Amino acid sequence: MTSSRSSVKSIEVVEPLGNRVLIRKDEARKVTKVGIHLPDKMEIPTITGRIVAISAQVAHDDDYPIEQYDKVLFNPTRGVPVDFEGDNRLFVIPVEDVVAVFRKED
């Protein structure tokens, strides 16, 4: 007889704490906007990404109108890289380092 607990897989998540958000950084581009292909050693640095998770503190703060899956512009200098399940583009970022949110106008 097996326990039902052993047959249920638990899912591990990364939850930012305090005034922080979890961002998946966009892939660095290898081609410029005008179509010039860059060598493998060169990349155009990117500081855009998508919000993956928001701490409870930020979610309840009206000063930060961001939501999960928003595309944002952020300053990565104080970000903490998170190597989670082989994804090396996740960063925990202080919410004050999110400097802009991309919005579509109707």
C-alpha atoms as a PDB file:
ATOM      1  CA  MET A   1       0.000   0.000   0.000  1.00  0.00           C
ATOM      2  CA  THR A   2       1.476   3.322  -1.041  1.00  0.00           C
ATOM      3  CA  SER A   3       0.805   6.657   0.506  1.00  0.00           C
ATOM      4  CA  SER A   4      -1.120   9.174  -1.598  1.00  0.00           C
ATOM      5  CA  ARG A   5       1.477  11.782  -0.622  1.00  0.00           C
ATOM      6  CA  SER A   6       4.215   9.958  -2.507  1.00  0.00           C
ATOM      7  CA  SER A   7       2.178   9.845  -5.707  1.00  0.00           C
ATOM      8  CA  VAL A   8       1.410  13.583  -5.714  1.00  0.00           C
ATOM      9  CA  LYS A   9       4.192  15.701  -7.159  1.00  0.00           C
ATOM     10  CA  SER A  10       4.797  19.001  -5.441  1.00  0.00           C
ATOM     11  CA  ILE A  11       5.623  22.046  -7.502  1.00  0.00           C
ATOM     12  CA  GLU A  12       8.414  24.320  -6.376  1.00  0.00           C
ATOM     13  CA  VAL A  13       8.017  28.029  -7.068  1.00  0.00           C
ATOM     14  CA  VAL A  14      10.167  31.090  -6.479  1.00  0.00           C
ATOM     15  CA  GLU A  15       8.331  33.738  -4.476  1.00  0.00           C
ATOM     16  CA  PRO A  16      10.037  37.111  -4.038  1.00  0.00           C
ATOM     17  CA  LEU A  17       9.877  38.673  -0.577  1.00  0.00           C
ATOM     18  CA  GLY A  18       9.781  42.295   0.542  1.00  0.00           C
ATOM     19  CA  ASN A  19       9.775  44.980  -2.143  1.00  0.00           C
ATOM     20  CA  ARG A  20      10.922  42.635  -4.912  1.00  0.00           C
ATOM     21  CA  VAL A  21       9.686  41.047  -8.118  1.00  0.00           C
ATOM     22  CA  LEU A  22      10.843  38.033 -10.110  1.00  0.00           C
ATOM     23  CA  ILE A  23      11.640  38.863 -13.731  1.00  0.00           C
ATOM     24  CA  ARG A  24      12.533  36.617 -16.654  1.00  0.00           C
ATOM     25  CA  LYS A  25      15.005  38.653 -18.665  1.00  0.00           C
ATOM     26  CA  ASP A  26      14.421  38.767 -22.414  1.00  0.00           C
ATOM     27  CA  GLU A  27      16.919  36.944 -24.625  1.00  0.00           C
ATOM     28  CA  ALA A  28      19.848  39.070 -25.746  1.00  0.00           C
ATOM     29  CA  ARG A  29      19.607  39.873 -29.417  1.00  0.00           C
ATOM     30  CA  LYS A  30      22.135  38.595 -31.944  1.00  0.00           C
ATOM     31  CA  VAL A  31      20.755  40.731 -34.777  1.00  0.00           C
ATOM     32  CA  THR A  32      20.429  44.514 -34.805  1.00  0.00           C
ATOM     33  CA  LYS A  33      17.152  46.214 -35.770  1.00  0.00           C
ATOM     34  CA  VAL A  34      18.505  46.870 -39.258  1.00  0.00           C
ATOM     35  CA  GLY A  35      19.363  43.189 -39.732  1.00  0.00           C
ATOM     36  CA  ILE A  36      23.090  43.099 -39.064  1.00  0.00           C
ATOM     37  CA  HIS A  37      24.083  39.714 -37.584  1.00  0.00           C
ATOM     38  CA  LEU A  38      26.502  40.019 -34.675  1.00  0.00           C
ATOM     39  CA  PRO A  39      29.320  37.561 -33.954  1.00  0.00           C
ATOM     40  CA  ASP A  40      28.597  34.985 -31.224  1.00  0.00           C
ATOM     41  CA  LYS A  41      30.753  36.864 -28.729  1.00  0.00           C
ATOM     42  CA  MET A  42      28.789  40.097 -29.168  1.00  0.00           C
ATOM     43  CA  GLU A  43      25.268  40.683 -27.967  1.00  0.00           C
ATOM     44  CA  ILE A  44      23.094  43.745 -27.643  1.00  0.00           C
ATOM     45  CA  PRO A  45      22.538  44.047 -23.886  1.00  0.00           C
ATOM     46  CA  THR A  46      18.920  43.910 -22.854  1.00  0.00           C
ATOM     47  CA  ILE A  47      17.248  45.192 -19.759  1.00  0.00           C
ATOM     48  CA  THR A  48      13.717  44.201 -20.606  1.00  0.00           C
ATOM     49  CA  GLY A  49      11.829  41.234 -19.320  1.00  0.00           C
ATOM     50  CA  ARG A  50       8.511  39.839 -18.103  1.00  0.00           C
ATOM     51  CA  ILE A  51       7.226  39.853 -14.547  1.00  0.00           C
ATOM     52  CA  VAL A  52       6.991  36.226 -13.391  1.00  0.00           C
ATOM     53  CA  ALA A  53       6.000  36.809  -9.761  1.00  0.00           C
ATOM     54  CA  ILE A  54       5.322  39.753  -7.468  1.00  0.00           C
ATOM     55  CA  SER A  55       5.812  39.745  -3.706  1.00  0.00           C
ATOM     56  CA  ALA A  56       2.685  40.186  -1.576  1.00  0.00           C
ATOM     57  CA  GLN A  57       4.059  43.515  -0.346  1.00  0.00           C
ATOM     58  CA  VAL A  58       4.363  44.911  -3.894  1.00  0.00           C
ATOM     59  CA  ALA A  59       0.994  43.472  -4.959  1.00  0.00           C
ATOM     60  CA  HIS A  60      -0.728  45.506  -2.224  1.00  0.00           C
ATOM     61  CA  ASP A  61       1.193  48.734  -2.939  1.00  0.00           C
ATOM     62  CA  ASP A  62      -0.696  51.122  -5.252  1.00  0.00           C
ATOM     63  CA  ASP A  63       2.577  52.948  -6.042  1.00  0.00           C
ATOM     64  CA  TYR A  64       3.595  50.001  -8.254  1.00  0.00           C
ATOM     65  CA  PRO A  65       0.935  49.320 -10.918  1.00  0.00           C
ATOM     66  CA  ILE A  66       2.537  46.148 -12.238  1.00  0.00           C
ATOM     67  CA  GLU A  67       1.052  42.728 -12.750  1.00  0.00           C
ATOM     68  CA  GLN A  68       2.284  39.255 -13.556  1.00  0.00           C
ATOM     69  CA  TYR A  69       3.338  38.905 -17.228  1.00  0.00           C
ATOM     70  CA  ASP A  70       3.832  42.672 -17.726  1.00  0.00           C
ATOM     71  CA  LYS A  71       6.762  43.546 -19.977  1.00  0.00           C
ATOM     72  CA  VAL A  72       9.075  45.890 -18.082  1.00  0.00           C
ATOM     73  CA  LEU A  73      12.263  47.883 -18.420  1.00  0.00           C
ATOM     74  CA  PHE A  74      14.540  47.373 -15.423  1.00  0.00           C
ATOM     75  CA  ASN A  75      17.941  48.230 -14.012  1.00  0.00           C
ATOM     76  CA  PRO A  76      19.716  44.879 -13.507  1.00  0.00           C
ATOM     77  CA  THR A  77      22.612  46.106 -11.359  1.00  0.00           C
ATOM     78  CA  ARG A  78      21.069  45.045  -8.010  1.00  0.00           C
ATOM     79  CA  GLY A  79      19.288  41.987  -9.382  1.00  0.00           C
ATOM     80  CA  VAL A  80      19.981  38.594  -7.867  1.00  0.00           C
ATOM     81  CA  PRO A  81      20.238  35.806 -10.475  1.00  0.00           C
ATOM     82  CA  VAL A  82      18.125  32.733  -9.769  1.00  0.00           C
ATOM     83  CA  ASP A  83      19.192  29.424 -11.307  1.00  0.00           C
ATOM     84  CA  PHE A  84      15.844  27.648 -11.134  1.00  0.00           C
ATOM     85  CA  GLU A  85      15.187  24.459 -13.079  1.00  0.00           C
ATOM     86  CA  GLY A  86      17.839  25.320 -15.655  1.00  0.00           C
ATOM     87  CA  ASP A  87      16.424  28.780 -16.400  1.00  0.00           C
ATOM     88  CA  ASN A  88      19.348  31.176 -16.131  1.00  0.00           C
ATOM     89  CA  ARG A  89      17.355  34.269 -17.117  1.00  0.00           C
ATOM     90  CA  LEU A  90      15.431  34.679 -13.840  1.00  0.00           C
ATOM     91  CA  PHE A  91      16.304  37.580 -11.552  1.00  0.00           C
ATOM     92  CA  VAL A  92      14.902  38.847  -8.275  1.00  0.00           C
ATOM     93  CA  ILE A  93      14.849  42.618  -8.666  1.00  0.00           C
ATOM     94  CA  PRO A  94      14.034  45.356  -6.131  1.00  0.00           C
ATOM     95  CA  VAL A  95      10.751  46.835  -7.369  1.00  0.00           C
ATOM     96  CA  GLU A  96      12.243  50.339  -7.377  1.00  0.00           C
ATOM     97  CA  ASP A  97      14.620  49.112 -10.116  1.00  0.00           C
ATOM     98  CA  VAL A  98      11.646  48.486 -12.421  1.00  0.00           C
ATOM     99  CA  VAL A  99      11.704  51.805 -14.257  1.00  0.00           C
ATOM    100  CA  ALA A 100       8.943  51.390 -16.851  1.00  0.00           C
ATOM    101  CA  VAL A 101       6.071  49.139 -17.888  1.00  0.00           C
ATOM    102  CA  PHE A 102       5.215  48.613 -21.549  1.00  0.00           C
ATOM    103  CA  ARG A 103       1.502  49.292 -22.197  1.00  0.00           C
ATOM    104  CA  LYS A 104      -0.551  49.161 -25.386  1.00  0.00           C
ATOM    105  CA  GLU A 105      -2.767  52.145 -26.082  1.00  0.00           C
ATOM    106  CA  ASP A 106      -6.228  51.535 -27.472  1.00  0.00           C
END
